[in-house]
Amino acid sequence: MIEPFANNHQSMQIGELVIENQTEKIIIYGDIDLYLNASGREQAQQLHELTGKILQAFADNPGYSKDISESKDNNDQSDESIDNPFL
């Protein structure tokens, strides 16, 4: 289990869902199928624990940035357009 917002080198996977840890954000991508069986319950429990830890990180850091525009400044994607090398 990762420690949310603690570092830039932790990641974990639940099903095909990938969770990457960074000091300023958590990146979650992929998909997960939760079946009504023991494996599905285990994956749901992992998701529950992870989201609980993320929410606790917000509670422990009341000075977190509530400014949406600041968060957009930290976006990994550039607004710069580049030529498509395949055309």
PDB file of N, CA and C in Angstrom:
ATOM      1  N   MET A   1       0.852  -1.185   0.000  1.00  0.00           N
ATOM      2  CA  MET A   1       0.000   0.000   0.000  1.00  0.00           C
ATOM      3  C   MET A   1       0.890   1.237   0.000  1.00  0.00           C
ATOM      4  N   ILE A   2       0.557   2.179  -0.860  1.00  0.00           N
ATOM      5  CA  ILE A   2       1.345   3.407  -0.932  1.00  0.00           C
ATOM      6  C   ILE A   2       0.994   4.353   0.207  1.00  0.00           C
ATOM      7  N   GLU A   3       1.886   5.271   0.485  1.00  0.00           N
ATOM      8  CA  GLU A   3       1.624   6.365   1.415  1.00  0.00           C
ATOM      9  C   GLU A   3       1.323   7.592   0.555  1.00  0.00           C
ATOM     10  N   PRO A   4       0.053   7.990   0.435  1.00  0.00           N
ATOM     11  CA  PRO A   4      -0.327   9.066  -0.480  1.00  0.00           C
ATOM     12  C   PRO A   4       0.467  10.363  -0.271  1.00  0.00           C
ATOM     13  N   PHE A   5       0.911  10.922  -1.369  1.00  0.00           N
ATOM     14  CA  PHE A   5       1.621  12.199  -1.426  1.00  0.00           C
ATOM     15  C   PHE A   5       2.963  12.185  -0.705  1.00  0.00           C
ATOM     16  N   ALA A   6       3.500  11.018  -0.418  1.00  0.00           N
ATOM     17  CA  ALA A   6       4.736  10.931   0.359  1.00  0.00           C
ATOM     18  C   ALA A   6       6.002  11.004  -0.497  1.00  0.00           C
ATOM     19  N   ASN A   7       5.930  10.567  -1.746  1.00  0.00           N
ATOM     20  CA  ASN A   7       7.135  10.518  -2.578  1.00  0.00           C
ATOM     21  C   ASN A   7       6.745  10.394  -4.045  1.00  0.00           C
ATOM     22  N   ASN A   8       7.741  10.370  -4.886  1.00  0.00           N
ATOM     23  CA  ASN A   8       7.501  10.287  -6.326  1.00  0.00           C
ATOM     24  C   ASN A   8       7.900   8.942  -6.922  1.00  0.00           C
ATOM     25  N   HIS A   9       8.020   7.913  -6.116  1.00  0.00           N
ATOM     26  CA  HIS A   9       8.498   6.649  -6.667  1.00  0.00           C
ATOM     27  C   HIS A   9       7.644   5.433  -6.311  1.00  0.00           C
ATOM     28  N   GLN A  10       6.551   5.604  -5.628  1.00  0.00           N
ATOM     29  CA  GLN A  10       5.705   4.463  -5.295  1.00  0.00           C
ATOM     30  C   GLN A  10       4.575   4.313  -6.310  1.00  0.00           C
ATOM     31  N   SER A  11       4.225   3.081  -6.577  1.00  0.00           N
ATOM     32  CA  SER A  11       3.028   2.797  -7.366  1.00  0.00           C
ATOM     33  C   SER A  11       2.479   1.455  -6.907  1.00  0.00           C
ATOM     34  N   MET A  12       1.236   1.210  -7.260  1.00  0.00           N
ATOM     35  CA  MET A  12       0.615  -0.057  -6.920  1.00  0.00           C
ATOM     36  C   MET A  12      -0.419  -0.372  -7.980  1.00  0.00           C
ATOM     37  N   GLN A  13      -0.878  -1.603  -7.986  1.00  0.00           N
ATOM     38  CA  GLN A  13      -1.867  -2.019  -8.958  1.00  0.00           C
ATOM     39  C   GLN A  13      -2.922  -2.863  -8.260  1.00  0.00           C
ATOM     40  N   ILE A  14      -4.184  -2.559  -8.585  1.00  0.00           N
ATOM     41  CA  ILE A  14      -5.314  -3.345  -8.111  1.00  0.00           C
ATOM     42  C   ILE A  14      -6.068  -3.754  -9.359  1.00  0.00           C
ATOM     43  N   GLY A  15      -6.070  -5.022  -9.676  1.00  0.00           N
ATOM     44  CA  GLY A  15      -6.621  -5.457 -10.958  1.00  0.00           C
ATOM     45  C   GLY A  15      -5.794  -4.821 -12.060  1.00  0.00           C
ATOM     46  N   GLU A  16      -6.447  -4.181 -13.001  1.00  0.00           N
ATOM     47  CA  GLU A  16      -5.746  -3.453 -14.063  1.00  0.00           C
ATOM     48  C   GLU A  16      -5.699  -1.956 -13.764  1.00  0.00           C
ATOM     49  N   LEU A  17      -6.056  -1.579 -12.544  1.00  0.00           N
ATOM     50  CA  LEU A  17      -6.051  -0.186 -12.107  1.00  0.00           C
ATOM     51  C   LEU A  17      -4.667   0.125 -11.547  1.00  0.00           C
ATOM     52  N   VAL A  18      -4.016   1.145 -12.108  1.00  0.00           N
ATOM     53  CA  VAL A  18      -2.677   1.526 -11.668  1.00  0.00           C
ATOM     54  C   VAL A  18      -2.780   2.825 -10.884  1.00  0.00           C
ATOM     55  N   ILE A  19      -2.125   2.867  -9.733  1.00  0.00           N
ATOM     56  CA  ILE A  19      -2.115   4.051  -8.884  1.00  0.00           C
ATOM     57  C   ILE A  19      -0.661   4.478  -8.736  1.00  0.00           C
ATOM     58  N   GLU A  20      -0.356   5.705  -9.172  1.00  0.00           N
ATOM     59  CA  GLU A  20       1.001   6.245  -9.065  1.00  0.00           C
ATOM     60  C   GLU A  20       1.004   7.359  -8.032  1.00  0.00           C
ATOM     61  N   ASN A  21       1.982   7.319  -7.173  1.00  0.00           N
ATOM     62  CA  ASN A  21       2.117   8.275  -6.096  1.00  0.00           C
ATOM     63  C   ASN A  21       3.066   9.395  -6.502  1.00  0.00           C
ATOM     64  N   GLN A  22       2.690  10.625  -6.220  1.00  0.00           N
ATOM     65  CA  GLN A  22       3.575  11.772  -6.367  1.00  0.00           C
ATOM     66  C   GLN A  22       3.370  12.670  -5.160  1.00  0.00           C
ATOM     67  N   THR A  23       4.269  13.591  -4.941  1.00  0.00           N
ATOM     68  CA  THR A  23       4.154  14.436  -3.759  1.00  0.00           C
ATOM     69  C   THR A  23       3.012  15.440  -3.853  1.00  0.00           C
ATOM     70  N   GLU A  24       2.582  15.777  -5.067  1.00  0.00           N
ATOM     71  CA  GLU A  24       1.518  16.763  -5.224  1.00  0.00           C
ATOM     72  C   GLU A  24       0.220  16.183  -5.783  1.00  0.00           C
ATOM     73  N   LYS A  25       0.260  14.933  -6.246  1.00  0.00           N
ATOM     74  CA  LYS A  25      -0.953  14.336  -6.799  1.00  0.00           C
ATOM     75  C   LYS A  25      -0.842  12.822  -6.809  1.00  0.00           C
ATOM     76  N   ILE A  26      -1.995  12.195  -6.928  1.00  0.00           N
ATOM     77  CA  ILE A  26      -2.104  10.749  -7.094  1.00  0.00           C
ATOM     78  C   ILE A  26      -2.703  10.537  -8.489  1.00  0.00           C
ATOM     79  N   ILE A  27      -2.078   9.688  -9.295  1.00  0.00           N
ATOM     80  CA  ILE A  27      -2.553   9.417 -10.643  1.00  0.00           C
ATOM     81  C   ILE A  27      -3.157   8.014 -10.653  1.00  0.00           C
ATOM     82  N   ILE A  28      -4.402   7.908 -11.107  1.00  0.00           N
ATOM     83  CA  ILE A  28      -5.092   6.625 -11.152  1.00  0.00           C
ATOM     84  C   ILE A  28      -5.599   6.418 -12.579  1.00  0.00           C
ATOM     85  N   TYR A  29      -5.220   5.296 -13.181  1.00  0.00           N
ATOM     86  CA  TYR A  29      -5.696   5.006 -14.529  1.00  0.00           C
ATOM     87  C   TYR A  29      -5.839   3.499 -14.719  1.00  0.00           C
ATOM     88  N   GLY A  30      -6.569   3.136 -15.742  1.00  0.00           N
ATOM     89  CA  GLY A  30      -6.828   1.727 -16.017  1.00  0.00           C
ATOM     90  C   GLY A  30      -8.262   1.385 -15.689  1.00  0.00           C
ATOM     91  N   ASP A  31      -8.531   0.110 -15.493  1.00  0.00           N
ATOM     92  CA  ASP A  31      -9.878  -0.312 -15.153  1.00  0.00           C
ATOM     93  C   ASP A  31      -9.816  -1.503 -14.211  1.00  0.00           C
ATOM     94  N   ILE A  32     -10.926  -1.752 -13.599  1.00  0.00           N
ATOM     95  CA  ILE A  32     -11.007  -2.875 -12.666  1.00  0.00           C
ATOM     96  C   ILE A  32     -12.406  -3.472 -12.751  1.00  0.00           C
ATOM     97  N   ASP A  33     -12.479  -4.775 -12.752  1.00  0.00           N
ATOM     98  CA  ASP A  33     -13.749  -5.494 -12.710  1.00  0.00           C
ATOM     99  C   ASP A  33     -13.864  -6.113 -11.326  1.00  0.00           C
ATOM    100  N   LEU A  34     -14.842  -5.666 -10.559  1.00  0.00           N
ATOM    101  CA  LEU A  34     -15.060  -6.213  -9.225  1.00  0.00           C
ATOM    102  C   LEU A  34     -16.163  -7.271  -9.304  1.00  0.00           C
ATOM    103  N   TYR A  35     -15.759  -8.511  -9.210  1.00  0.00           N
ATOM    104  CA  TYR A  35     -16.711  -9.616  -9.251  1.00  0.00           C
ATOM    105  C   TYR A  35     -17.187  -9.931  -7.842  1.00  0.00           C
ATOM    106  N   LEU A  36     -18.355 -10.468  -7.750  1.00  0.00           N
ATOM    107  CA  LEU A  36     -18.931 -10.835  -6.461  1.00  0.00           C
ATOM    108  C   LEU A  36     -18.368 -12.186  -6.031  1.00  0.00           C
ATOM    109  N   ASN A  37     -17.065 -12.141  -5.679  1.00  0.00           N
ATOM    110  CA  ASN A  37     -16.370 -13.335  -5.193  1.00  0.00           C
ATOM    111  C   ASN A  37     -15.253 -12.884  -4.264  1.00  0.00           C
ATOM    112  N   ALA A  38     -14.450 -13.800  -3.785  1.00  0.00           N
ATOM    113  CA  ALA A  38     -13.405 -13.476  -2.815  1.00  0.00           C
ATOM    114  C   ALA A  38     -12.372 -12.502  -3.384  1.00  0.00           C
ATOM    115  N   SER A  39     -12.004 -12.690  -4.644  1.00  0.00           N
ATOM    116  CA  SER A  39     -11.032 -11.804  -5.274  1.00  0.00           C
ATOM    117  C   SER A  39     -11.594 -10.386  -5.399  1.00  0.00           C
ATOM    118  N   GLY A  40     -12.849 -10.278  -5.802  1.00  0.00           N
ATOM    119  CA  GLY A  40     -13.498  -8.977  -5.909  1.00  0.00           C
ATOM    120  C   GLY A  40     -13.574  -8.275  -4.571  1.00  0.00           C
ATOM    121  N   ARG A  41     -13.861  -9.041  -3.520  1.00  0.00           N
ATOM    122  CA  ARG A  41     -13.924  -8.453  -2.172  1.00  0.00           C
ATOM    123  C   ARG A  41     -12.552  -7.939  -1.750  1.00  0.00           C
ATOM    124  N   GLU A  42     -11.512  -8.695  -2.033  1.00  0.00           N
ATOM    125  CA  GLU A  42     -10.160  -8.281  -1.680  1.00  0.00           C
ATOM    126  C   GLU A  42      -9.778  -6.996  -2.414  1.00  0.00           C
ATOM    127  N   GLN A  43     -10.105  -6.916  -3.701  1.00  0.00           N
ATOM    128  CA  GLN A  43      -9.795  -5.715  -4.471  1.00  0.00           C
ATOM    129  C   GLN A  43     -10.596  -4.520  -3.960  1.00  0.00           C
ATOM    130  N   ALA A  44     -11.865  -4.731  -3.629  1.00  0.00           N
ATOM    131  CA  ALA A  44     -12.693  -3.656  -3.085  1.00  0.00           C
ATOM    132  C   ALA A  44     -12.125  -3.172  -1.753  1.00  0.00           C
ATOM    133  N   GLN A  45     -11.641  -4.091  -0.946  1.00  0.00           N
ATOM    134  CA  GLN A  45     -11.047  -3.729   0.342  1.00  0.00           C
ATOM    135  C   GLN A  45      -9.784  -2.892   0.126  1.00  0.00           C
ATOM    136  N   GLN A  46      -8.960  -3.265  -0.858  1.00  0.00           N
ATOM    137  CA  GLN A  46      -7.758  -2.484  -1.160  1.00  0.00           C
ATOM    138  C   GLN A  46      -8.124  -1.069  -1.608  1.00  0.00           C
ATOM    139  N   LEU A  47      -9.143  -0.948  -2.460  1.00  0.00           N
ATOM    140  CA  LEU A  47      -9.597   0.376  -2.898  1.00  0.00           C
ATOM    141  C   LEU A  47     -10.096   1.202  -1.721  1.00  0.00           C
ATOM    142  N   HIS A  48     -10.834   0.551  -0.837  1.00  0.00           N
ATOM    143  CA  HIS A  48     -11.366   1.226   0.344  1.00  0.00           C
ATOM    144  C   HIS A  48     -10.229   1.745   1.234  1.00  0.00           C
ATOM    145  N   GLU A  49      -9.243   0.911   1.482  1.00  0.00           N
ATOM    146  CA  GLU A  49      -8.106   1.318   2.311  1.00  0.00           C
ATOM    147  C   GLU A  49      -7.319   2.450   1.656  1.00  0.00           C
ATOM    148  N   LEU A  50      -7.118   2.355   0.337  1.00  0.00           N
ATOM    149  CA  LEU A  50      -6.387   3.393  -0.371  1.00  0.00           C
ATOM    150  C   LEU A  50      -7.114   4.731  -0.313  1.00  0.00           C
ATOM    151  N   THR A  51      -8.415   4.738  -0.610  1.00  0.00           N
ATOM    152  CA  THR A  51      -9.144   6.006  -0.579  1.00  0.00           C
ATOM    153  C   THR A  51      -9.213   6.571   0.843  1.00  0.00           C
ATOM    154  N   GLY A  52      -9.281   5.703   1.824  1.00  0.00           N
ATOM    155  CA  GLY A  52      -9.235   6.164   3.210  1.00  0.00           C
ATOM    156  C   GLY A  52      -7.917   6.853   3.534  1.00  0.00           C
ATOM    157  N   LYS A  53      -6.808   6.286   3.052  1.00  0.00           N
ATOM    158  CA  LYS A  53      -5.494   6.888   3.288  1.00  0.00           C
ATOM    159  C   LYS A  53      -5.361   8.220   2.547  1.00  0.00           C
ATOM    160  N   ILE A  54      -5.928   8.305   1.349  1.00  0.00           N
ATOM    161  CA  ILE A  54      -5.870   9.559   0.597  1.00  0.00           C
ATOM    162  C   ILE A  54      -6.677  10.634   1.326  1.00  0.00           C
ATOM    163  N   LEU A  55      -7.875  10.292   1.764  1.00  0.00           N
ATOM    164  CA  LEU A  55      -8.686  11.263   2.503  1.00  0.00           C
ATOM    165  C   LEU A  55      -8.014  11.672   3.812  1.00  0.00           C
ATOM    166  N   GLN A  56      -7.343  10.738   4.470  1.00  0.00           N
ATOM    167  CA  GLN A  56      -6.639  11.060   5.711  1.00  0.00           C
ATOM    168  C   GLN A  56      -5.494  12.029   5.442  1.00  0.00           C
ATOM    169  N   ALA A  57      -4.822  11.891   4.303  1.00  0.00           N
ATOM    170  CA  ALA A  57      -3.744  12.813   3.934  1.00  0.00           C
ATOM    171  C   ALA A  57      -4.287  14.230   3.798  1.00  0.00           C
ATOM    172  N   PHE A  58      -5.488  14.381   3.231  1.00  0.00           N
ATOM    173  CA  PHE A  58      -6.100  15.710   3.150  1.00  0.00           C
ATOM    174  C   PHE A  58      -6.424  16.236   4.545  1.00  0.00           C
ATOM    175  N   ALA A  59      -6.951  15.384   5.411  1.00  0.00           N
ATOM    176  CA  ALA A  59      -7.294  15.803   6.774  1.00  0.00           C
ATOM    177  C   ALA A  59      -6.049  16.198   7.561  1.00  0.00           C
ATOM    178  N   ASP A  60      -4.940  15.499   7.323  1.00  0.00           N
ATOM    179  CA  ASP A  60      -3.694  15.785   8.033  1.00  0.00           C
ATOM    180  C   ASP A  60      -2.986  17.025   7.504  1.00  0.00           C
ATOM    181  N   ASN A  61      -3.378  17.499   6.339  1.00  0.00           N
ATOM    182  CA  ASN A  61      -2.752  18.670   5.713  1.00  0.00           C
ATOM    183  C   ASN A  61      -3.820  19.697   5.370  1.00  0.00           C
ATOM    184  N   PRO A  62      -4.348  20.389   6.389  1.00  0.00           N
ATOM    185  CA  PRO A  62      -5.449  21.322   6.129  1.00  0.00           C
ATOM    186  C   PRO A  62      -5.042  22.499   5.236  1.00  0.00           C
ATOM    187  N   GLY A  63      -3.765  22.709   5.019  1.00  0.00           N
ATOM    188  CA  GLY A  63      -3.311  23.796   4.171  1.00  0.00           C
ATOM    189  C   GLY A  63      -3.197  23.404   2.717  1.00  0.00           C
ATOM    190  N   TYR A  64      -3.761  22.247   2.325  1.00  0.00           N
ATOM    191  CA  TYR A  64      -3.654  21.824   0.929  1.00  0.00           C
ATOM    192  C   TYR A  64      -4.283  22.882   0.030  1.00  0.00           C
ATOM    193  N   SER A  65      -3.813  22.920  -1.187  1.00  0.00           N
ATOM    194  CA  SER A  65      -4.287  23.920  -2.145  1.00  0.00           C
ATOM    195  C   SER A  65      -5.710  23.613  -2.580  1.00  0.00           C
ATOM    196  N   LYS A  66      -6.587  24.571  -2.369  1.00  0.00           N
ATOM    197  CA  LYS A  66      -7.969  24.423  -2.808  1.00  0.00           C
ATOM    198  C   LYS A  66      -8.182  25.172  -4.119  1.00  0.00           C
ATOM    199  N   ASP A  67      -7.118  25.759  -4.649  1.00  0.00           N
ATOM    200  CA  ASP A  67      -7.199  26.544  -5.877  1.00  0.00           C
ATOM    201  C   ASP A  67      -7.047  25.633  -7.081  1.00  0.00           C
ATOM    202  N   ILE A  68      -8.106  25.479  -7.857  1.00  0.00           N
ATOM    203  CA  ILE A  68      -8.089  24.581  -9.011  1.00  0.00           C
ATOM    204  C   ILE A  68      -7.095  25.050 -10.055  1.00  0.00           C
ATOM    205  N   SER A  69      -6.968  26.358 -10.256  1.00  0.00           N
ATOM    206  CA  SER A  69      -6.058  26.858 -11.285  1.00  0.00           C
ATOM    207  C   SER A  69      -4.610  26.503 -10.956  1.00  0.00           C
ATOM    208  N   GLU A  70      -4.264  26.487  -9.695  1.00  0.00           N
ATOM    209  CA  GLU A  70      -2.909  26.091  -9.302  1.00  0.00           C
ATOM    210  C   GLU A  70      -2.661  24.635  -9.643  1.00  0.00           C
ATOM    211  N   SER A  71      -3.648  23.788  -9.436  1.00  0.00           N
ATOM    212  CA  SER A  71      -3.500  22.380  -9.767  1.00  0.00           C
ATOM    213  C   SER A  71      -3.295  22.188 -11.252  1.00  0.00           C
ATOM    214  N   LYS A  72      -3.959  22.986 -12.081  1.00  0.00           N
ATOM    215  CA  LYS A  72      -3.799  22.879 -13.520  1.00  0.00           C
ATOM    216  C   LYS A  72      -2.390  23.272 -13.947  1.00  0.00           C
ATOM    217  N   ASP A  73      -1.744  24.170 -13.190  1.00  0.00           N
ATOM    218  CA  ASP A  73      -0.377  24.569 -13.513  1.00  0.00           C
ATOM    219  C   ASP A  73       0.591  23.407 -13.369  1.00  0.00           C
ATOM    220  N   ASN A  74       0.263  22.430 -12.549  1.00  0.00           N
ATOM    221  CA  ASN A  74       1.135  21.289 -12.309  1.00  0.00           C
ATOM    222  C   ASN A  74       0.833  20.129 -13.251  1.00  0.00           C
ATOM    223  N   ASN A  75      -0.013  20.356 -14.245  1.00  0.00           N
ATOM    224  CA  ASN A  75      -0.394  19.316 -15.185  1.00  0.00           C
ATOM    225  C   ASN A  75       0.841  18.845 -15.950  1.00  0.00           C
ATOM    226  N   ASP A  76       0.953  17.551 -16.161  1.00  0.00           N
ATOM    227  CA  ASP A  76       2.090  16.985 -16.876  1.00  0.00           C
ATOM    228  C   ASP A  76       2.044  17.258 -18.366  1.00  0.00           C
ATOM    229  N   GLN A  77       0.879  17.598 -18.890  1.00  0.00           N
ATOM    230  CA  GLN A  77       0.749  17.798 -20.322  1.00  0.00           C
ATOM    231  C   GLN A  77       1.047  19.240 -20.693  1.00  0.00           C
ATOM    232  N   SER A  78       1.732  19.397 -21.786  1.00  0.00           N
ATOM    233  CA  SER A  78       2.076  20.710 -22.294  1.00  0.00           C
ATOM    234  C   SER A  78       0.981  21.207 -23.225  1.00  0.00           C
ATOM    235  N   ASP A  79       0.777  22.523 -23.263  1.00  0.00           N
ATOM    236  CA  ASP A  79      -0.173  23.116 -24.193  1.00  0.00           C
ATOM    237  C   ASP A  79       0.464  23.333 -25.562  1.00  0.00           C
ATOM    238  N   GLU A  80       1.727  23.034 -25.669  1.00  0.00           N
ATOM    239  CA  GLU A  80       2.452  23.244 -26.916  1.00  0.00           C
ATOM    240  C   GLU A  80       2.080  22.175 -27.936  1.00  0.00           C
ATOM    241  N   SER A  81       1.774  22.612 -29.158  1.00  0.00           N
ATOM    242  CA  SER A  81       1.477  21.680 -30.242  1.00  0.00           C
ATOM    243  C   SER A  81       2.763  21.296 -30.952  1.00  0.00           C
ATOM    244  N   ILE A  82       2.841  20.030 -31.349  1.00  0.00           N
ATOM    245  CA  ILE A  82       4.014  19.586 -32.096  1.00  0.00           C
ATOM    246  C   ILE A  82       3.546  18.955 -33.400  1.00  0.00           C
ATOM    247  N   ASP A  83       4.409  18.961 -34.387  1.00  0.00           N
ATOM    248  CA  ASP A  83       4.086  18.344 -35.667  1.00  0.00           C
ATOM    249  C   ASP A  83       4.040  16.830 -35.516  1.00  0.00           C
ATOM    250  N   ASN A  84       3.087  16.216 -36.211  1.00  0.00           N
ATOM    251  CA  ASN A  84       2.951  14.774 -36.193  1.00  0.00           C
ATOM    252  C   ASN A  84       4.029  14.173 -37.094  1.00  0.00           C
ATOM    253  N   PRO A  85       4.972  13.394 -36.540  1.00  0.00           N
ATOM    254  CA  PRO A  85       6.062  12.855 -37.358  1.00  0.00           C
ATOM    255  C   PRO A  85       5.602  11.734 -38.303  1.00  0.00           C
ATOM    256  N   PHE A  86       4.356  11.271 -38.166  1.00  0.00           N
ATOM    257  CA  PHE A  86       3.870  10.164 -38.985  1.00  0.00           C
ATOM    258  C   PHE A  86       3.107  10.626 -40.238  1.00  0.00           C
ATOM    259  N   LEU A  87       2.976  11.932 -40.393  1.00  0.00           N
ATOM    260  CA  LEU A  87       2.263  12.443 -41.577  1.00  0.00           C
ATOM    261  C   LEU A  87       3.217  12.719 -42.702  1.00  0.00           C
TER     262      LEU A  87
END
